[in-house]
């Protein structure tokens, strides 16, 4: 067999094996739509807690890096008739004003992905001032009413500690997923670790109280294909929150491979940190 034919066969096999692409994300959103899930933003969820539909999904995106990928995912959702919540960090790789405006124009929610305690190195007053400054900044693009903590696994500081002294409600914030989502009512899926069972290597993006119950019920998935199959078979709970990191979802081979390699390395570090955390 000639080398060119071998390369074509390998490329075709790789396309089949690849997960976390824009195409696989589109399949996920389409499966949710076809199964009758109503798409809700975090803002809509918080506003409608007393009148939630029987079947819905909150799509949440943490824009940690490479904001352009978030714009592509937002476009996929718009084409599939879905709305989602996008949380932006202050760093340049996430904070891209033209992209934030573009995503807001598509009808999605914009929120602040805060990490003020890490940036302030634990100084709570500095963190408070930083939060106020950047909340006002993001409100240039959208009337921000929900926020979400950035996990910052390499930082010793937990962003949520800011609210041990202050209240985000004083800033007109109605919701923060780690405080204001009833996970006894919603099943939580996240692509942390570049898989759907990444709670094993996550320091902060996990729901420890309810995770054991979900495992007991068999709600454990590793690949997007497994998640899509569960949705199509009616095996998925009727109320969901799905969190993704859009920089992980790429159709182009080079960025896909780059993210795959980087995430493998990150997961090794996370396993070490989790082991230390657990004593």
Protein backbone atom coordinates (compact mmCIF):
# COMPACT_ATOMS: atom_id res chain seq x y z
CA UNK A 1 0.00 0.00 0.00
CA UNK A 2 1.49 3.36 -0.99
CA UNK A 3 2.31 5.94 1.67
CA UNK A 4 -0.26 8.46 0.40
CA UNK A 5 -3.05 5.89 0.68
CA UNK A 6 -1.91 4.92 4.18
CA UNK A 7 -1.99 8.57 5.19
CA UNK A 8 -5.53 9.00 3.83
CA UNK A 9 -6.72 5.90 5.71
CA UNK A 10 -5.04 7.09 8.92
CA UNK A 11 -6.60 10.55 8.55
CA UNK A 12 -10.04 9.00 8.02
CA UNK A 13 -9.63 6.77 11.09
CA UNK A 14 -8.48 9.74 13.15
CA UNK A 15 -11.57 11.73 12.17
CA UNK A 16 -13.74 8.87 13.41
CA UNK A 17 -11.80 8.54 16.70
CA UNK A 18 -11.61 12.24 17.50
CA UNK A 19 -13.78 13.65 20.23
CA UNK A 20 -14.15 17.26 21.37
CA UNK A 21 -14.55 18.80 17.94
CA UNK A 22 -17.02 21.42 16.79
CA UNK A 23 -18.83 18.64 14.92
CA UNK A 24 -19.18 16.47 18.02
CA UNK A 25 -20.43 19.48 19.98
CA UNK A 26 -23.04 20.12 17.31
CA UNK A 27 -24.17 16.48 17.64
CA UNK A 28 -24.53 16.99 21.39
CA UNK A 29 -26.64 20.14 21.04
CA UNK A 30 -28.74 18.60 18.26
CA UNK A 31 -29.39 15.49 20.39
CA UNK A 32 -30.57 17.68 23.27
CA UNK A 33 -32.87 19.65 20.98
CA UNK A 34 -34.32 16.50 19.38
CA UNK A 35 -34.90 14.96 22.81
CA UNK A 36 -37.06 17.94 23.79
CA UNK A 37 -34.71 19.72 26.18
CA UNK A 38 -35.40 23.43 26.54
CA UNK A 39 -32.21 25.48 26.41
CA UNK A 40 -31.77 27.95 29.26
CA UNK A 41 -29.04 30.36 30.27
CA UNK A 42 -27.88 30.54 33.87
CA UNK A 43 -29.67 33.88 34.12
CA UNK A 44 -32.94 32.34 32.93
CA UNK A 45 -32.54 29.44 35.34
CA UNK A 46 -32.08 31.78 38.31
CA UNK A 47 -34.96 34.01 37.24
CA UNK A 48 -37.34 31.08 36.77
CA UNK A 49 -36.57 28.79 39.69
CA UNK A 50 -40.20 28.66 40.77
CA UNK A 51 -41.49 27.81 37.30
CA UNK A 52 -38.87 25.65 35.64
CA UNK A 53 -39.90 23.38 32.76
CA UNK A 54 -39.88 19.63 33.24
CA UNK A 55 -37.05 19.10 30.76
CA UNK A 56 -34.28 21.65 30.29
CA UNK A 57 -30.54 22.08 29.99
CA UNK A 58 -28.34 24.98 31.09
CA UNK A 59 -25.36 25.27 28.74
CA UNK A 60 -22.45 26.98 30.48
CA UNK A 61 -19.10 27.83 28.91
CA UNK A 62 -15.96 28.82 30.81
CA UNK A 63 -13.84 30.87 28.40
CA UNK A 64 -10.46 30.15 29.94
CA UNK A 65 -8.29 30.55 26.81
CA UNK A 66 -8.45 31.09 23.02
CA UNK A 67 -11.68 33.08 22.97
CA UNK A 68 -12.10 32.63 19.20
CA UNK A 69 -13.12 29.02 19.81
CA UNK A 70 -15.96 30.27 22.01
CA UNK A 71 -17.27 32.36 19.13
CA UNK A 72 -17.37 29.25 16.93
CA UNK A 73 -19.21 27.24 19.57
CA UNK A 74 -21.64 30.14 20.08
CA UNK A 75 -22.36 30.12 16.36
CA UNK A 76 -23.03 26.37 16.42
CA UNK A 77 -25.54 26.91 19.24
CA UNK A 78 -27.24 29.75 17.42
CA UNK A 79 -27.63 27.59 14.32
CA UNK A 80 -29.11 24.82 16.48
CA UNK A 81 -31.53 27.19 18.21
CA UNK A 82 -29.77 27.12 21.57
CA UNK A 83 -28.80 29.84 24.04
CA UNK A 84 -25.93 29.51 26.49
CA UNK A 85 -23.97 31.36 29.18
CA UNK A 86 -20.38 32.44 28.48
CA UNK A 87 -18.07 33.38 31.37
CA UNK A 88 -14.99 35.43 30.47
CA UNK A 89 -11.78 35.87 32.46
CA UNK A 90 -9.84 39.13 32.63
CA UNK A 91 -6.70 37.73 30.96
CA UNK A 92 -6.07 38.72 27.30
CA UNK A 93 -6.50 35.14 26.03
CA UNK A 94 -10.11 35.26 27.23
CA UNK A 95 -10.97 38.96 27.38
CA UNK A 96 -11.42 39.76 23.69
CA UNK A 97 -13.95 42.63 23.42
CA UNK A 98 -14.87 42.01 19.77
CA UNK A 99 -15.61 38.35 20.52
CA UNK A 100 -17.58 39.14 23.67
CA UNK A 101 -19.74 41.57 21.64
CA UNK A 102 -20.20 39.01 18.87
CA UNK A 103 -21.36 36.30 21.28
CA UNK A 104 -23.72 38.73 23.03
CA UNK A 105 -25.20 39.72 19.64
CA UNK A 106 -25.99 36.05 18.99
CA UNK A 107 -28.32 36.15 21.99
CA UNK A 108 -26.12 34.40 24.54
CA UNK A 109 -25.56 35.47 28.13
CA UNK A 110 -22.25 37.04 29.17
CA UNK A 111 -20.88 36.61 32.70
CA UNK A 112 -17.72 37.24 34.69
CA UNK A 113 -15.41 34.23 35.24
CA UNK A 114 -13.86 35.64 38.37
CA UNK A 115 -10.56 34.69 40.00
CA UNK A 116 -10.02 37.81 42.08
CA UNK A 117 -8.69 36.01 45.17
CA UNK A 118 -5.93 34.39 43.12
CA UNK A 119 -5.02 37.66 41.40
CA UNK A 120 -4.99 39.47 44.76
CA UNK A 121 -2.94 36.64 46.32
CA UNK A 122 -5.53 36.14 49.02
CA UNK A 123 -5.93 39.79 50.05
CA UNK A 124 -9.69 40.01 50.38
CA UNK A 125 -9.96 43.81 50.17
CA UNK A 126 -7.83 43.94 47.02
CA UNK A 127 -9.90 41.08 45.61
CA UNK A 128 -13.13 42.95 46.33
CA UNK A 129 -11.90 46.07 44.53
CA UNK A 130 -10.71 43.97 41.60
CA UNK A 131 -14.08 42.22 41.37
CA UNK A 132 -15.94 45.55 41.33
CA UNK A 133 -13.66 46.94 38.61
CA UNK A 134 -14.02 44.00 36.27
CA UNK A 135 -17.72 43.42 36.87
CA UNK A 136 -18.26 47.01 35.69
CA UNK A 137 -16.03 46.31 32.71
CA UNK A 138 -17.98 43.26 31.54
CA UNK A 139 -21.24 45.12 32.01
CA UNK A 140 -20.19 47.27 29.04
CA UNK A 141 -21.05 44.29 26.85
CA UNK A 142 -24.00 42.75 28.71
CA UNK A 143 -26.03 43.54 31.85
CA UNK A 144 -24.17 40.85 33.80
CA UNK A 145 -26.38 39.19 36.40
CA UNK A 146 -24.54 35.88 36.95
CA UNK A 147 -20.91 35.10 37.69
CA UNK A 148 -18.87 31.91 37.93
CA UNK A 149 -15.68 31.08 39.80
CA UNK A 150 -12.61 30.12 37.76
CA UNK A 151 -11.16 26.97 39.29
CA UNK A 152 -7.49 28.00 38.93
CA UNK A 153 -6.16 24.53 39.92
CA UNK A 154 -2.57 25.74 40.35
CA UNK A 155 -3.58 28.53 42.74
CA UNK A 156 -3.78 28.03 46.49
CA UNK A 157 -6.70 30.48 46.65
CA UNK A 158 -10.34 29.61 46.09
CA UNK A 159 -12.24 32.46 44.41
CA UNK A 160 -15.38 31.62 46.36
CA UNK A 161 -13.69 32.66 49.61
CA UNK A 162 -14.43 36.28 48.69
CA UNK A 163 -18.07 35.59 49.55
CA UNK A 164 -17.25 34.50 53.08
CA UNK A 165 -17.04 38.20 53.93
CA UNK A 166 -18.99 39.91 51.13
CA UNK A 167 -22.13 39.10 49.13
CA UNK A 168 -22.32 39.14 45.36
CA UNK A 169 -26.03 39.86 45.68
CA UNK A 170 -25.05 43.39 46.74
CA UNK A 171 -23.82 43.89 43.16
CA UNK A 172 -27.06 42.87 41.48
CA UNK A 173 -25.81 39.32 40.88
CA UNK A 174 -28.61 36.75 41.04
CA UNK A 175 -26.62 33.59 40.54
CA UNK A 176 -23.30 31.75 40.83
CA UNK A 177 -23.42 28.09 39.72
CA UNK A 178 -21.45 26.79 42.71
CA UNK A 179 -23.88 28.44 45.14
CA UNK A 180 -27.20 28.85 43.35
CA UNK A 181 -27.80 25.64 41.41
CA UNK A 182 -29.81 22.89 43.07
CA UNK A 183 -27.72 19.84 42.14
CA UNK A 184 -30.20 17.56 43.86
CA UNK A 185 -32.49 18.54 40.98
CA UNK A 186 -29.95 18.97 38.14
CA UNK A 187 -27.43 16.47 36.83
CA UNK A 188 -24.07 18.13 36.19
CA UNK A 189 -21.74 17.25 33.33
CA UNK A 190 -18.45 19.02 32.63
CA UNK A 191 -15.63 18.44 30.13
CA UNK A 192 -13.02 19.19 32.79
CA UNK A 193 -10.00 17.05 32.03
CA UNK A 194 -11.15 16.78 28.40
CA UNK A 195 -13.56 13.99 29.21
CA UNK A 196 -16.99 13.77 30.82
CA UNK A 197 -15.81 11.96 33.96
CA UNK A 198 -13.09 14.47 34.78
CA UNK A 199 -14.26 14.90 38.37
CA UNK A 200 -11.54 12.34 39.10
CA UNK A 201 -8.83 14.90 38.31
CA UNK A 202 -10.66 18.11 39.27
CA UNK A 203 -9.80 20.14 42.35
CA UNK A 204 -12.77 22.54 42.34
CA UNK A 205 -15.09 21.90 39.37
CA UNK A 206 -16.94 19.02 40.97
CA UNK A 207 -20.06 18.32 42.99
CA UNK A 208 -18.85 15.93 45.71
CA UNK A 209 -22.12 15.67 47.66
CA UNK A 210 -24.12 14.40 44.69
CA UNK A 211 -21.42 12.73 42.57
CA UNK A 212 -21.60 9.44 44.50
CA UNK A 213 -25.35 9.23 43.89
CA UNK A 214 -24.91 9.90 40.18
CA UNK A 215 -22.27 7.18 39.98
CA UNK A 216 -24.58 4.77 41.80
CA UNK A 217 -27.28 5.46 39.21
CA UNK A 218 -24.86 4.80 36.36
CA UNK A 219 -24.76 8.40 35.14
CA UNK A 220 -21.09 8.17 34.25
CA UNK A 221 -19.83 8.99 30.74
CA UNK A 222 -16.38 9.35 29.29
CA UNK A 223 -16.88 10.37 25.66
CA UNK A 224 -19.26 12.76 23.94
CA UNK A 225 -20.59 9.84 21.93
CA UNK A 226 -21.63 8.14 25.16
CA UNK A 227 -23.39 11.30 26.33
CA UNK A 228 -25.20 11.67 22.98
CA UNK A 229 -26.26 8.00 23.02
CA UNK A 230 -27.68 8.38 26.55
CA UNK A 231 -29.67 11.44 25.46
CA UNK A 232 -31.06 9.68 22.38
CA UNK A 233 -31.96 6.57 24.39
CA UNK A 234 -33.81 8.61 27.01
CA UNK A 235 -31.37 7.52 29.71
CA UNK A 236 -30.28 11.05 30.61
CA UNK A 237 -32.00 12.87 33.52
CA UNK A 238 -34.55 15.51 32.43
CA UNK A 239 -32.75 18.46 34.05
CA UNK A 240 -29.13 19.15 33.19
CA UNK A 241 -26.29 21.62 33.45
CA UNK A 242 -23.50 21.02 30.94
CA UNK A 243 -20.25 22.96 31.28
CA UNK A 244 -17.63 23.10 28.55
CA UNK A 245 -14.36 24.89 27.90
CA UNK A 246 -14.61 25.88 24.22
CA UNK A 247 -10.84 25.93 23.59
CA UNK A 248 -11.02 22.14 23.77
CA UNK A 249 -13.44 21.82 20.85
CA UNK A 250 -11.62 22.17 17.53
CA UNK A 251 -12.22 20.67 14.09
CA UNK A 252 -8.78 21.56 12.73
CA UNK A 253 -6.27 18.79 13.40
CA UNK A 254 -3.31 20.85 14.66
CA UNK A 255 -5.12 22.76 17.44
CA UNK A 256 -7.01 19.58 18.34
CA UNK A 257 -3.73 17.68 18.78
CA UNK A 258 -2.20 20.56 20.71
CA UNK A 259 -5.08 20.63 23.16
CA UNK A 260 -5.03 16.83 23.49
CA UNK A 261 -1.32 16.84 24.40
CA UNK A 262 -1.63 19.80 26.79
CA UNK A 263 -4.61 18.29 28.57
CA UNK A 264 -2.86 14.96 29.04
CA UNK A 265 -0.02 16.83 30.76
CA UNK A 266 -2.44 18.91 32.85
CA UNK A 267 -4.28 15.81 34.01
CA UNK A 268 -1.05 14.30 35.32
CA UNK A 269 -0.42 17.46 37.36
CA UNK A 270 -4.03 17.53 38.55
CA UNK A 271 -3.85 13.93 39.74
CA UNK A 272 -0.81 14.81 41.83
CA UNK A 273 -2.57 17.88 43.28
CA UNK A 274 -5.75 15.92 44.01
CA UNK A 275 -3.71 13.22 45.75
CA UNK A 276 -2.01 15.84 47.91
CA UNK A 277 -5.33 17.55 48.64
CA UNK A 278 -6.83 14.26 49.79
CA UNK A 279 -3.89 13.62 52.07
